[in-house]
C-alpha cells in the first residue's frame, strides 16, 4: 500500500452479477478466495519485479447460489507474475495473471494475517 494514501472500501456484501471487471487485451484480474475470518482485511499484490508498486482490495462477502464465499477481486492488472502479500513484509505466493482472463488463487486456510 502506498504511504500516505488511504482508500475507503465498502464492505457491503455483493450480490450475484454485481462485480464488473476491467479486463481485456493485456489486462487481467485476480480473485483471491479466503476464509471468512479474513472478512474486512485488505490484501495486497504487486508485480514480482516491482514489490513497491502494490495494489490492494478488501475481503468481502460474496453471496452466491450455494451460500457465501469470501474473496478479494482485483482487476485492471497488466498481465504478468504477481506476489500475494501475507502482510506488508511477508510474501505468501506468486500467481500468473493473463490478459483477458481471471486468475483465481485460494488463500491457505491455516494462514492468518
PDB file of N, CA and C in Angstrom:
ATOM      1  N   UNK A   1       0.850  -1.154   0.000  1.00  0.00           N
ATOM      2  CA  UNK A   1       0.000   0.000   0.000  1.00  0.00           C
ATOM      3  C   UNK A   1       0.901   1.223   0.000  1.00  0.00           C
ATOM      4  N   UNK A   2       0.530   2.231  -0.728  1.00  0.00           N
ATOM      5  CA  UNK A   2       1.327   3.442  -0.802  1.00  0.00           C
ATOM      6  C   UNK A   2       1.271   4.212   0.497  1.00  0.00           C
ATOM      7  N   UNK A   3       2.409   4.732   0.914  1.00  0.00           N
ATOM      8  CA  UNK A   3       2.479   5.512   2.134  1.00  0.00           C
ATOM      9  C   UNK A   3       1.721   6.819   1.936  1.00  0.00           C
ATOM     10  N   UNK A   4       0.911   7.188   2.899  1.00  0.00           N
ATOM     11  CA  UNK A   4       0.192   8.449   2.850  1.00  0.00           C
ATOM     12  C   UNK A   4      -1.081   8.420   2.024  1.00  0.00           C
ATOM     13  N   UNK A   5      -1.394   7.279   1.425  1.00  0.00           N
ATOM     14  CA  UNK A   5      -2.611   7.155   0.633  1.00  0.00           C
ATOM     15  C   UNK A   5      -3.567   6.253   1.381  1.00  0.00           C
ATOM     16  N   UNK A   6      -4.790   6.733   1.584  1.00  0.00           N
ATOM     17  CA  UNK A   6      -5.776   5.932   2.300  1.00  0.00           C
ATOM     18  C   UNK A   6      -6.999   5.780   1.410  1.00  0.00           C
ATOM     19  N   UNK A   7      -7.383   4.549   1.185  1.00  0.00           N
ATOM     20  CA  UNK A   7      -8.548   4.265   0.366  1.00  0.00           C
ATOM     21  C   UNK A   7      -9.655   3.728   1.255  1.00  0.00           C
ATOM     22  N   UNK A   8     -10.874   4.133   0.981  1.00  0.00           N
ATOM     23  CA  UNK A   8     -12.017   3.611   1.712  1.00  0.00           C
ATOM     24  C   UNK A   8     -12.701   2.578   0.842  1.00  0.00           C
ATOM     25  N   UNK A   9     -12.938   1.414   1.411  1.00  0.00           N
ATOM     26  CA  UNK A   9     -13.607   0.346   0.701  1.00  0.00           C
ATOM     27  C   UNK A   9     -14.903   0.034   1.407  1.00  0.00           C
ATOM     28  N   UNK A  10     -15.931  -0.218   0.633  1.00  0.00           N
ATOM     29  CA  UNK A  10     -17.169  -0.676   1.230  1.00  0.00           C
ATOM     30  C   UNK A  10     -17.024  -2.156   1.529  1.00  0.00           C
ATOM     31  N   UNK A  11     -17.534  -2.575   2.652  1.00  0.00           N
ATOM     32  CA  UNK A  11     -17.513  -3.986   3.000  1.00  0.00           C
ATOM     33  C   UNK A  11     -18.893  -4.601   2.866  1.00  0.00           C
ATOM     34  N   UNK A  12     -19.795  -3.857   2.214  1.00  0.00           N
ATOM     35  CA  UNK A  12     -21.126  -4.386   1.993  1.00  0.00           C
ATOM     36  C   UNK A  12     -21.027  -5.628   1.122  1.00  0.00           C
ATOM     37  N   UNK A  13     -21.863  -6.617   1.378  1.00  0.00           N
ATOM     38  CA  UNK A  13     -21.799  -7.825   0.563  1.00  0.00           C
ATOM     39  C   UNK A  13     -22.195  -7.538  -0.875  1.00  0.00           C
ATOM     40  N   UNK A  14     -21.651  -8.321  -1.789  1.00  0.00           N
ATOM     41  CA  UNK A  14     -22.035  -8.172  -3.186  1.00  0.00           C
ATOM     42  C   UNK A  14     -23.058  -9.238  -3.533  1.00  0.00           C
ATOM     43  N   UNK A  15     -23.914  -8.920  -4.445  1.00  0.00           N
ATOM     44  CA  UNK A  15     -24.910  -9.873  -4.901  1.00  0.00           C
ATOM     45  C   UNK A  15     -24.477 -10.508  -6.207  1.00  0.00           C
ATOM     46  N   UNK A  16     -25.255 -11.451  -6.685  1.00  0.00           N
ATOM     47  CA  UNK A  16     -24.943 -12.110  -7.939  1.00  0.00           C
ATOM     48  C   UNK A  16     -24.938 -11.096  -9.073  1.00  0.00           C
ATOM     49  N   UNK A  17     -23.897 -11.143  -9.882  1.00  0.00           N
ATOM     50  CA  UNK A  17     -23.824 -10.283 -11.057  1.00  0.00           C
ATOM     51  C   UNK A  17     -23.492  -8.842 -10.767  1.00  0.00           C
ATOM     52  N   UNK A  18     -22.961  -8.511  -9.579  1.00  0.00           N
ATOM     53  CA  UNK A  18     -22.705  -7.106  -9.248  1.00  0.00           C
ATOM     54  C   UNK A  18     -21.251  -6.700  -9.398  1.00  0.00           C
ATOM     55  N   UNK A  19     -20.375  -7.605  -9.814  1.00  0.00           N
ATOM     56  CA  UNK A  19     -18.967  -7.271  -9.986  1.00  0.00           C
ATOM     57  C   UNK A  19     -18.686  -7.143 -11.472  1.00  0.00           C
ATOM     58  N   UNK A  20     -18.169  -5.982 -11.872  1.00  0.00           N
ATOM     59  CA  UNK A  20     -17.781  -5.736 -13.256  1.00  0.00           C
ATOM     60  C   UNK A  20     -16.268  -5.656 -13.281  1.00  0.00           C
ATOM     61  N   UNK A  21     -15.640  -6.414 -14.179  1.00  0.00           N
ATOM     62  CA  UNK A  21     -14.191  -6.471 -14.228  1.00  0.00           C
ATOM     63  C   UNK A  21     -13.647  -5.703 -15.423  1.00  0.00           C
ATOM     64  N   UNK A  22     -12.559  -4.980 -15.187  1.00  0.00           N
ATOM     65  CA  UNK A  22     -11.830  -4.287 -16.242  1.00  0.00           C
ATOM     66  C   UNK A  22     -10.743  -5.236 -16.736  1.00  0.00           C
ATOM     67  N   UNK A  23     -11.075  -6.065 -17.745  1.00  0.00           N
ATOM     68  CA  UNK A  23     -10.102  -6.976 -18.333  1.00  0.00           C
ATOM     69  C   UNK A  23     -10.191  -6.854 -19.848  1.00  0.00           C
ATOM     70  N   UNK A  24      -9.146  -7.271 -20.520  1.00  0.00           N
ATOM     71  CA  UNK A  24      -9.114  -7.217 -21.976  1.00  0.00           C
ATOM     72  C   UNK A  24      -7.717  -7.524 -22.459  1.00  0.00           C
ATOM     73  N   UNK A  25      -7.378  -7.025 -23.631  1.00  0.00           N
ATOM     74  CA  UNK A  25      -6.069  -7.282 -24.228  1.00  0.00           C
ATOM     75  C   UNK A  25      -4.964  -6.815 -23.281  1.00  0.00           C
ATOM     76  N   UNK A  26      -4.206  -7.763 -22.750  1.00  0.00           N
ATOM     77  CA  UNK A  26      -3.087  -7.435 -21.876  1.00  0.00           C
ATOM     78  C   UNK A  26      -3.453  -7.092 -20.447  1.00  0.00           C
ATOM     79  N   UNK A  27      -4.736  -7.044 -20.114  1.00  0.00           N
ATOM     80  CA  UNK A  27      -5.203  -6.672 -18.770  1.00  0.00           C
ATOM     81  C   UNK A  27      -6.061  -7.794 -18.210  1.00  0.00           C
ATOM     82  N   UNK A  28      -5.714  -8.271 -17.002  1.00  0.00           N
ATOM     83  CA  UNK A  28      -6.455  -9.354 -16.380  1.00  0.00           C
ATOM     84  C   UNK A  28      -6.944  -8.994 -14.992  1.00  0.00           C
ATOM     85  N   UNK A  29      -7.474  -9.986 -14.308  1.00  0.00           N
ATOM     86  CA  UNK A  29      -7.986  -9.804 -12.952  1.00  0.00           C
ATOM     87  C   UNK A  29      -7.530 -10.973 -12.090  1.00  0.00           C
ATOM     88  N   UNK A  30      -7.507 -10.722 -10.789  1.00  0.00           N
ATOM     89  CA  UNK A  30      -7.132 -11.736  -9.806  1.00  0.00           C
ATOM     90  C   UNK A  30      -8.227 -11.822  -8.754  1.00  0.00           C
ATOM     91  N   UNK A  31      -8.734 -13.024  -8.532  1.00  0.00           N
ATOM     92  CA  UNK A  31      -9.697 -13.280  -7.466  1.00  0.00           C
ATOM     93  C   UNK A  31      -8.986 -14.155  -6.448  1.00  0.00           C
ATOM     94  N   UNK A  32      -8.951 -13.680  -5.207  1.00  0.00           N
ATOM     95  CA  UNK A  32      -8.330 -14.437  -4.119  1.00  0.00           C
ATOM     96  C   UNK A  32      -9.432 -14.893  -3.189  1.00  0.00           C
ATOM     97  N   UNK A  33      -9.661 -16.202  -3.137  1.00  0.00           N
ATOM     98  CA  UNK A  33     -10.663 -16.780  -2.247  1.00  0.00           C
ATOM     99  C   UNK A  33     -10.030 -16.928  -0.867  1.00  0.00           C
ATOM    100  N   UNK A  34     -10.753 -16.516   0.169  1.00  0.00           N
ATOM    101  CA  UNK A  34     -10.198 -16.511   1.522  1.00  0.00           C
ATOM    102  C   UNK A  34     -11.151 -17.174   2.513  1.00  0.00           C
ATOM    103  N   UNK A  35     -10.638 -17.513   3.674  1.00  0.00           N
ATOM    104  CA  UNK A  35     -11.534 -17.933   4.759  1.00  0.00           C
ATOM    105  C   UNK A  35     -12.365 -16.722   5.232  1.00  0.00           C
ATOM    106  N   UNK A  36     -13.517 -16.988   5.784  1.00  0.00           N
ATOM    107  CA  UNK A  36     -14.370 -15.916   6.300  1.00  0.00           C
ATOM    108  C   UNK A  36     -13.716 -15.105   7.398  1.00  0.00           C
ATOM    109  N   UNK A  37     -12.744 -15.690   8.083  1.00  0.00           N
ATOM    110  CA  UNK A  37     -12.057 -14.978   9.171  1.00  0.00           C
ATOM    111  C   UNK A  37     -11.276 -13.763   8.672  1.00  0.00           C
ATOM    112  N   UNK A  38     -11.043 -13.675   7.366  1.00  0.00           N
ATOM    113  CA  UNK A  38     -10.313 -12.527   6.819  1.00  0.00           C
ATOM    114  C   UNK A  38     -11.240 -11.411   6.335  1.00  0.00           C
ATOM    115  N   UNK A  39     -12.546 -11.587   6.537  1.00  0.00           N
ATOM    116  CA  UNK A  39     -13.501 -10.559   6.094  1.00  0.00           C
ATOM    117  C   UNK A  39     -13.088  -9.184   6.611  1.00  0.00           C
ATOM    118  N   UNK A  40     -13.021  -8.218   5.703  1.00  0.00           N
ATOM    119  CA  UNK A  40     -12.669  -6.846   6.071  1.00  0.00           C
ATOM    120  C   UNK A  40     -11.182  -6.541   5.986  1.00  0.00           C
ATOM    121  N   UNK A  41     -10.338  -7.544   5.964  1.00  0.00           N
ATOM    122  CA  UNK A  41      -8.896  -7.311   5.840  1.00  0.00           C
ATOM    123  C   UNK A  41      -8.545  -6.948   4.407  1.00  0.00           C
ATOM    124  N   UNK A  42      -7.550  -6.112   4.249  1.00  0.00           N
ATOM    125  CA  UNK A  42      -7.071  -5.770   2.914  1.00  0.00           C
ATOM    126  C   UNK A  42      -5.902  -6.672   2.548  1.00  0.00           C
ATOM    127  N   UNK A  43      -5.904  -7.125   1.310  1.00  0.00           N
ATOM    128  CA  UNK A  43      -4.832  -7.962   0.790  1.00  0.00           C
ATOM    129  C   UNK A  43      -4.163  -7.206  -0.343  1.00  0.00           C
ATOM    130  N   UNK A  44      -2.830  -7.204  -0.311  1.00  0.00           N
ATOM    131  CA  UNK A  44      -2.050  -6.500  -1.317  1.00  0.00           C
ATOM    132  C   UNK A  44      -1.419  -7.474  -2.298  1.00  0.00           C
ATOM    133  N   UNK A  45      -1.256  -6.998  -3.541  1.00  0.00           N
ATOM    134  CA  UNK A  45      -0.495  -7.718  -4.558  1.00  0.00           C
ATOM    135  C   UNK A  45       0.430  -6.721  -5.239  1.00  0.00           C
ATOM    136  N   UNK A  46       1.523  -7.249  -5.796  1.00  0.00           N
ATOM    137  CA  UNK A  46       2.461  -6.409  -6.536  1.00  0.00           C
ATOM    138  C   UNK A  46       3.102  -7.235  -7.636  1.00  0.00           C
ATOM    139  N   UNK A  47       3.575  -6.567  -8.693  1.00  0.00           N
ATOM    140  CA  UNK A  47       4.357  -7.308  -9.679  1.00  0.00           C
ATOM    141  C   UNK A  47       5.593  -7.894  -8.996  1.00  0.00           C
ATOM    142  N   UNK A  48       5.992  -9.097  -9.388  1.00  0.00           N
ATOM    143  CA  UNK A  48       7.160  -9.750  -8.791  1.00  0.00           C
ATOM    144  C   UNK A  48       8.397  -8.862  -8.912  1.00  0.00           C
ATOM    145  N   UNK A  49       8.536  -8.195 -10.054  1.00  0.00           N
ATOM    146  CA  UNK A  49       9.739  -7.390 -10.282  1.00  0.00           C
ATOM    147  C   UNK A  49       9.652  -5.968  -9.740  1.00  0.00           C
ATOM    148  N   UNK A  50       8.535  -5.627  -9.076  1.00  0.00           N
ATOM    149  CA  UNK A  50       8.390  -4.282  -8.512  1.00  0.00           C
ATOM    150  C   UNK A  50       7.531  -4.336  -7.247  1.00  0.00           C
ATOM    151  N   UNK A  51       8.075  -4.902  -6.143  1.00  0.00           N
ATOM    152  CA  UNK A  51       7.277  -5.079  -4.926  1.00  0.00           C
ATOM    153  C   UNK A  51       6.799  -3.784  -4.280  1.00  0.00           C
ATOM    154  N   UNK A  52       7.365  -2.658  -4.666  1.00  0.00           N
ATOM    155  CA  UNK A  52       6.909  -1.388  -4.086  1.00  0.00           C
ATOM    156  C   UNK A  52       5.655  -0.855  -4.785  1.00  0.00           C
ATOM    157  N   UNK A  53       5.312  -1.400  -5.929  1.00  0.00           N
ATOM    158  CA  UNK A  53       4.136  -0.961  -6.687  1.00  0.00           C
ATOM    159  C   UNK A  53       2.969  -1.895  -6.373  1.00  0.00           C
ATOM    160  N   UNK A  54       2.292  -1.608  -5.262  1.00  0.00           N
ATOM    161  CA  UNK A  54       1.245  -2.503  -4.769  1.00  0.00           C
ATOM    162  C   UNK A  54      -0.152  -1.939  -5.011  1.00  0.00           C
ATOM    163  N   UNK A  55      -1.066  -2.856  -5.133  1.00  0.00           N
ATOM    164  CA  UNK A  55      -2.477  -2.516  -5.160  1.00  0.00           C
ATOM    165  C   UNK A  55      -3.167  -3.443  -4.159  1.00  0.00           C
ATOM    166  N   UNK A  56      -4.320  -3.036  -3.694  1.00  0.00           N
ATOM    167  CA  UNK A  56      -4.975  -3.828  -2.656  1.00  0.00           C
ATOM    168  C   UNK A  56      -6.488  -3.753  -2.789  1.00  0.00           C
ATOM    169  N   UNK A  57      -7.139  -4.671  -2.122  1.00  0.00           N
ATOM    170  CA  UNK A  57      -8.599  -4.674  -2.027  1.00  0.00           C
ATOM    171  C   UNK A  57      -8.977  -5.397  -0.747  1.00  0.00           C
ATOM    172  N   UNK A  58     -10.170  -5.123  -0.281  1.00  0.00           N
ATOM    173  CA  UNK A  58     -10.663  -5.724   0.956  1.00  0.00           C
ATOM    174  C   UNK A  58     -11.386  -7.036   0.673  1.00  0.00           C
ATOM    175  N   UNK A  59     -11.276  -7.949   1.615  1.00  0.00           N
ATOM    176  CA  UNK A  59     -12.027  -9.204   1.561  1.00  0.00           C
ATOM    177  C   UNK A  59     -13.487  -8.879   1.832  1.00  0.00           C
ATOM    178  N   UNK A  60     -14.349  -9.337   0.943  1.00  0.00           N
ATOM    179  CA  UNK A  60     -15.787  -9.080   1.083  1.00  0.00           C
ATOM    180  C   UNK A  60     -16.571 -10.372   0.969  1.00  0.00           C
ATOM    181  N   UNK A  61     -17.762 -10.359   1.552  1.00  0.00           N
ATOM    182  CA  UNK A  61     -18.682 -11.486   1.404  1.00  0.00           C
ATOM    183  C   UNK A  61     -19.278 -11.434   0.005  1.00  0.00           C
ATOM    184  N   UNK A  62     -19.311 -12.572  -0.657  1.00  0.00           N
ATOM    185  CA  UNK A  62     -19.896 -12.691  -1.996  1.00  0.00           C
ATOM    186  C   UNK A  62     -21.011 -13.729  -1.901  1.00  0.00           C
ATOM    187  N   UNK A  63     -22.243 -13.269  -2.067  1.00  0.00           N
ATOM    188  CA  UNK A  63     -23.388 -14.162  -1.951  1.00  0.00           C
ATOM    189  C   UNK A  63     -23.638 -14.828  -3.297  1.00  0.00           C
ATOM    190  N   UNK A  64     -23.551 -16.145  -3.286  1.00  0.00           N
ATOM    191  CA  UNK A  64     -23.747 -16.941  -4.485  1.00  0.00           C
ATOM    192  C   UNK A  64     -24.856 -17.955  -4.241  1.00  0.00           C
ATOM    193  N   UNK A  65     -25.217 -18.654  -5.278  1.00  0.00           N
ATOM    194  CA  UNK A  65     -26.340 -19.593  -5.191  1.00  0.00           C
ATOM    195  C   UNK A  65     -26.209 -20.575  -4.030  1.00  0.00           C
ATOM    196  N   UNK A  66     -25.002 -21.047  -3.771  1.00  0.00           N
ATOM    197  CA  UNK A  66     -24.810 -22.070  -2.740  1.00  0.00           C
ATOM    198  C   UNK A  66     -24.463 -21.521  -1.359  1.00  0.00           C
ATOM    199  N   UNK A  67     -24.507 -20.198  -1.181  1.00  0.00           N
ATOM    200  CA  UNK A  67     -24.195 -19.632   0.132  1.00  0.00           C
ATOM    201  C   UNK A  67     -23.317 -18.401   0.027  1.00  0.00           C
ATOM    202  N   UNK A  68     -22.350 -18.310   0.914  1.00  0.00           N
ATOM    203  CA  UNK A  68     -21.478 -17.141   0.983  1.00  0.00           C
ATOM    204  C   UNK A  68     -20.031 -17.569   0.778  1.00  0.00           C
ATOM    205  N   UNK A  69     -19.337 -16.851  -0.090  1.00  0.00           N
ATOM    206  CA  UNK A  69     -17.904 -17.010  -0.270  1.00  0.00           C
ATOM    207  C   UNK A  69     -17.249 -15.704   0.128  1.00  0.00           C
ATOM    208  N   UNK A  70     -16.011 -15.749   0.564  1.00  0.00           N
ATOM    209  CA  UNK A  70     -15.266 -14.546   0.893  1.00  0.00           C
ATOM    210  C   UNK A  70     -14.102 -14.444  -0.077  1.00  0.00           C
ATOM    211  N   UNK A  71     -13.945 -13.258  -0.652  1.00  0.00           N
ATOM    212  CA  UNK A  71     -12.882 -13.105  -1.638  1.00  0.00           C
ATOM    213  C   UNK A  71     -12.504 -11.647  -1.827  1.00  0.00           C
ATOM    214  N   UNK A  72     -11.355 -11.504  -2.467  1.00  0.00           N
ATOM    215  CA  UNK A  72     -10.833 -10.212  -2.916  1.00  0.00           C
ATOM    216  C   UNK A  72     -10.870 -10.258  -4.431  1.00  0.00           C
ATOM    217  N   UNK A  73     -11.311  -9.172  -5.061  1.00  0.00           N
ATOM    218  CA  UNK A  73     -11.297  -9.066  -6.513  1.00  0.00           C
ATOM    219  C   UNK A  73     -10.453  -7.858  -6.882  1.00  0.00           C
ATOM    220  N   UNK A  74      -9.376  -8.108  -7.641  1.00  0.00           N
ATOM    221  CA  UNK A  74      -8.505  -7.026  -8.098  1.00  0.00           C
ATOM    222  C   UNK A  74      -8.452  -7.115  -9.617  1.00  0.00           C
ATOM    223  N   UNK A  75      -8.966  -6.103 -10.285  1.00  0.00           N
ATOM    224  CA  UNK A  75      -8.964  -6.118 -11.745  1.00  0.00           C
ATOM    225  C   UNK A  75      -8.036  -5.029 -12.278  1.00  0.00           C
ATOM    226  N   UNK A  76      -7.952  -4.936 -13.584  1.00  0.00           N
ATOM    227  CA  UNK A  76      -7.110  -3.921 -14.207  1.00  0.00           C
ATOM    228  C   UNK A  76      -5.624  -4.187 -14.047  1.00  0.00           C
ATOM    229  N   UNK A  77      -5.235  -5.455 -13.862  1.00  0.00           N
ATOM    230  CA  UNK A  77      -3.821  -5.796 -13.672  1.00  0.00           C
ATOM    231  C   UNK A  77      -3.175  -6.118 -15.022  1.00  0.00           C
ATOM    232  N   UNK A  78      -2.085  -5.444 -15.362  1.00  0.00           N
ATOM    233  CA  UNK A  78      -1.362  -5.842 -16.570  1.00  0.00           C
ATOM    234  C   UNK A  78      -0.905  -7.293 -16.443  1.00  0.00           C
ATOM    235  N   UNK A  79      -0.984  -8.041 -17.530  1.00  0.00           N
ATOM    236  CA  UNK A  79      -0.564  -9.429 -17.495  1.00  0.00           C
ATOM    237  C   UNK A  79       0.854  -9.557 -16.959  1.00  0.00           C
ATOM    238  N   UNK A  80       1.087 -10.575 -16.129  1.00  0.00           N
ATOM    239  CA  UNK A  80       2.413 -10.807 -15.570  1.00  0.00           C
ATOM    240  C   UNK A  80       2.342 -11.639 -14.305  1.00  0.00           C
ATOM    241  N   UNK A  81       3.467 -11.761 -13.649  1.00  0.00           N
ATOM    242  CA  UNK A  81       3.568 -12.541 -12.406  1.00  0.00           C
ATOM    243  C   UNK A  81       3.468 -11.581 -11.217  1.00  0.00           C
ATOM    244  N   UNK A  82       2.633 -11.953 -10.228  1.00  0.00           N
ATOM    245  CA  UNK A  82       2.352 -11.108  -9.069  1.00  0.00           C
ATOM    246  C   UNK A  82       2.638 -11.836  -7.763  1.00  0.00           C
ATOM    247  N   UNK A  83       3.049 -11.061  -6.767  1.00  0.00           N
ATOM    248  CA  UNK A  83       3.194 -11.545  -5.399  1.00  0.00           C
ATOM    249  C   UNK A  83       1.901 -11.243  -4.656  1.00  0.00           C
ATOM    250  N   UNK A  84       1.370 -12.224  -3.940  1.00  0.00           N
ATOM    251  CA  UNK A  84       0.270 -12.017  -2.998  1.00  0.00           C
ATOM    252  C   UNK A  84       0.950 -11.887  -1.640  1.00  0.00           C
ATOM    253  N   UNK A  85       0.704 -10.749  -0.958  1.00  0.00           N
ATOM    254  CA  UNK A  85       1.387 -10.461   0.303  1.00  0.00           C
ATOM    255  C   UNK A  85       0.549 -10.922   1.490  1.00  0.00           C
ATOM    256  N   UNK A  86       1.184 -11.660   2.398  1.00  0.00           N
ATOM    257  CA  UNK A  86       0.526 -12.087   3.649  1.00  0.00           C
ATOM    258  C   UNK A  86       0.366 -10.897   4.578  1.00  0.00           C
ATOM    259  N   UNK A  87       1.379 -10.058   4.637  1.00  0.00           N
ATOM    260  CA  UNK A  87       1.387  -8.831   5.427  1.00  0.00           C
ATOM    261  C   UNK A  87       2.349  -7.886   4.709  1.00  0.00           C
ATOM    262  N   UNK A  88       2.581  -6.687   5.212  1.00  0.00           N
ATOM    263  CA  UNK A  88       3.409  -5.738   4.466  1.00  0.00           C
ATOM    264  C   UNK A  88       4.823  -6.203   4.121  1.00  0.00           C
ATOM    265  N   UNK A  89       5.357  -7.185   4.837  1.00  0.00           N
ATOM    266  CA  UNK A  89       6.736  -7.605   4.571  1.00  0.00           C
ATOM    267  C   UNK A  89       6.889  -9.081   4.209  1.00  0.00           C
ATOM    268  N   UNK A  90       5.807  -9.857   4.243  1.00  0.00           N
ATOM    269  CA  UNK A  90       5.900 -11.293   4.033  1.00  0.00           C
ATOM    270  C   UNK A  90       5.132 -11.729   2.789  1.00  0.00           C
ATOM    271  N   UNK A  91       5.862 -12.182   1.750  1.00  0.00           N
ATOM    272  CA  UNK A  91       5.154 -12.712   0.584  1.00  0.00           C
ATOM    273  C   UNK A  91       4.502 -14.054   0.928  1.00  0.00           C
ATOM    274  N   UNK A  92       3.324 -14.294   0.375  1.00  0.00           N
ATOM    275  CA  UNK A  92       2.612 -15.549   0.616  1.00  0.00           C
ATOM    276  C   UNK A  92       2.715 -16.477  -0.591  1.00  0.00           C
ATOM    277  N   UNK A  93       2.537 -15.925  -1.794  1.00  0.00           N
ATOM    278  CA  UNK A  93       2.515 -16.755  -3.000  1.00  0.00           C
ATOM    279  C   UNK A  93       2.799 -15.889  -4.217  1.00  0.00           C
ATOM    280  N   UNK A  94       3.049 -16.550  -5.328  1.00  0.00           N
ATOM    281  CA  UNK A  94       3.162 -15.883  -6.620  1.00  0.00           C
ATOM    282  C   UNK A  94       2.126 -16.492  -7.552  1.00  0.00           C
ATOM    283  N   UNK A  95       1.501 -15.635  -8.356  1.00  0.00           N
ATOM    284  CA  UNK A  95       0.479 -16.086  -9.302  1.00  0.00           C
ATOM    285  C   UNK A  95       0.726 -15.418 -10.651  1.00  0.00           C
ATOM    286  N   UNK A  96       0.295 -16.079 -11.712  1.00  0.00           N
ATOM    287  CA  UNK A  96       0.387 -15.521 -13.057  1.00  0.00           C
ATOM    288  C   UNK A  96      -0.971 -14.982 -13.465  1.00  0.00           C
ATOM    289  N   UNK A  97      -1.008 -13.712 -13.868  1.00  0.00           N
ATOM    290  CA  UNK A  97      -2.222 -13.075 -14.356  1.00  0.00           C
ATOM    291  C   UNK A  97      -2.074 -12.913 -15.861  1.00  0.00           C
ATOM    292  N   UNK A  98      -3.065 -13.383 -16.610  1.00  0.00           N
ATOM    293  CA  UNK A  98      -3.049 -13.283 -18.064  1.00  0.00           C
ATOM    294  C   UNK A  98      -4.042 -12.234 -18.530  1.00  0.00           C
ATOM    295  N   UNK A  99      -3.675 -11.531 -19.589  1.00  0.00           N
ATOM    296  CA  UNK A  99      -4.588 -10.549 -20.169  1.00  0.00           C
ATOM    297  C   UNK A  99      -5.857 -11.209 -20.665  1.00  0.00           C
ATOM    298  N   UNK A 100      -6.985 -10.541 -20.437  1.00  0.00           N
ATOM    299  CA  UNK A 100      -8.274 -11.033 -20.884  1.00  0.00           C
ATOM    300  C   UNK A 100      -8.819 -12.197 -20.082  1.00  0.00           C
ATOM    301  N   UNK A 101      -8.212 -12.477 -18.929  1.00  0.00           N
ATOM    302  CA  UNK A 101      -8.623 -13.644 -18.133  1.00  0.00           C
ATOM    303  C   UNK A 101      -8.678 -13.301 -16.648  1.00  0.00           C
ATOM    304  N   UNK A 102      -9.336 -14.184 -15.905  1.00  0.00           N
ATOM    305  CA  UNK A 102      -9.409 -14.068 -14.453  1.00  0.00           C
ATOM    306  C   UNK A 102      -8.595 -15.214 -13.854  1.00  0.00           C
ATOM    307  N   UNK A 103      -7.616 -14.859 -13.040  1.00  0.00           N
ATOM    308  CA  UNK A 103      -6.809 -15.845 -12.319  1.00  0.00           C
ATOM    309  C   UNK A 103      -7.408 -16.000 -10.932  1.00  0.00           C
ATOM    310  N   UNK A 104      -7.515 -17.233 -10.457  1.00  0.00           N
ATOM    311  CA  UNK A 104      -8.029 -17.490  -9.121  1.00  0.00           C
ATOM    312  C   UNK A 104      -6.934 -18.102  -8.257  1.00  0.00           C
ATOM    313  N   UNK A 105      -6.892 -17.649  -7.008  1.00  0.00           N
ATOM    314  CA  UNK A 105      -5.944 -18.173  -6.024  1.00  0.00           C
ATOM    315  C   UNK A 105      -6.717 -18.393  -4.730  1.00  0.00           C
ATOM    316  N   UNK A 106      -6.439 -19.489  -4.047  1.00  0.00           N
ATOM    317  CA  UNK A 106      -7.083 -19.769  -2.766  1.00  0.00           C
ATOM    318  C   UNK A 106      -6.092 -19.564  -1.636  1.00  0.00           C
ATOM    319  N   UNK A 107      -6.427 -18.616  -0.747  1.00  0.00           N
ATOM    320  CA  UNK A 107      -5.620 -18.335   0.437  1.00  0.00           C
ATOM    321  C   UNK A 107      -5.588 -19.587   1.298  1.00  0.00           C
ATOM    322  N   UNK A 108      -4.418 -20.038   1.742  1.00  0.00           N
ATOM    323  CA  UNK A 108      -4.365 -21.247   2.587  1.00  0.00           C
ATOM    324  C   UNK A 108      -5.190 -21.052   3.864  1.00  0.00           C
ATOM    325  N   UNK A 109      -6.030 -22.024   4.206  1.00  0.00           N
ATOM    326  CA  UNK A 109      -6.925 -21.862   5.352  1.00  0.00           C
ATOM    327  C   UNK A 109      -6.204 -21.732   6.685  1.00  0.00           C
ATOM    328  N   UNK A 110      -4.958 -22.202   6.772  1.00  0.00           N
ATOM    329  CA  UNK A 110      -4.228 -22.142   8.031  1.00  0.00           C
ATOM    330  C   UNK A 110      -3.328 -20.908   8.147  1.00  0.00           C
ATOM    331  N   UNK A 111      -3.440 -19.978   7.198  1.00  0.00           N
ATOM    332  CA  UNK A 111      -2.607 -18.771   7.212  1.00  0.00           C
ATOM    333  C   UNK A 111      -3.476 -17.564   7.550  1.00  0.00           C
ATOM    334  N   UNK A 112      -3.190 -16.940   8.694  1.00  0.00           N
ATOM    335  CA  UNK A 112      -3.908 -15.741   9.126  1.00  0.00           C
ATOM    336  C   UNK A 112      -3.066 -14.510   8.846  1.00  0.00           C
ATOM    337  N   UNK A 113      -3.714 -13.372   8.857  1.00  0.00           N
ATOM    338  CA  UNK A 113      -2.994 -12.105   8.704  1.00  0.00           C
ATOM    339  C   UNK A 113      -2.457 -11.646  10.024  1.00  0.00           C
TER     340      UNK A 113
END
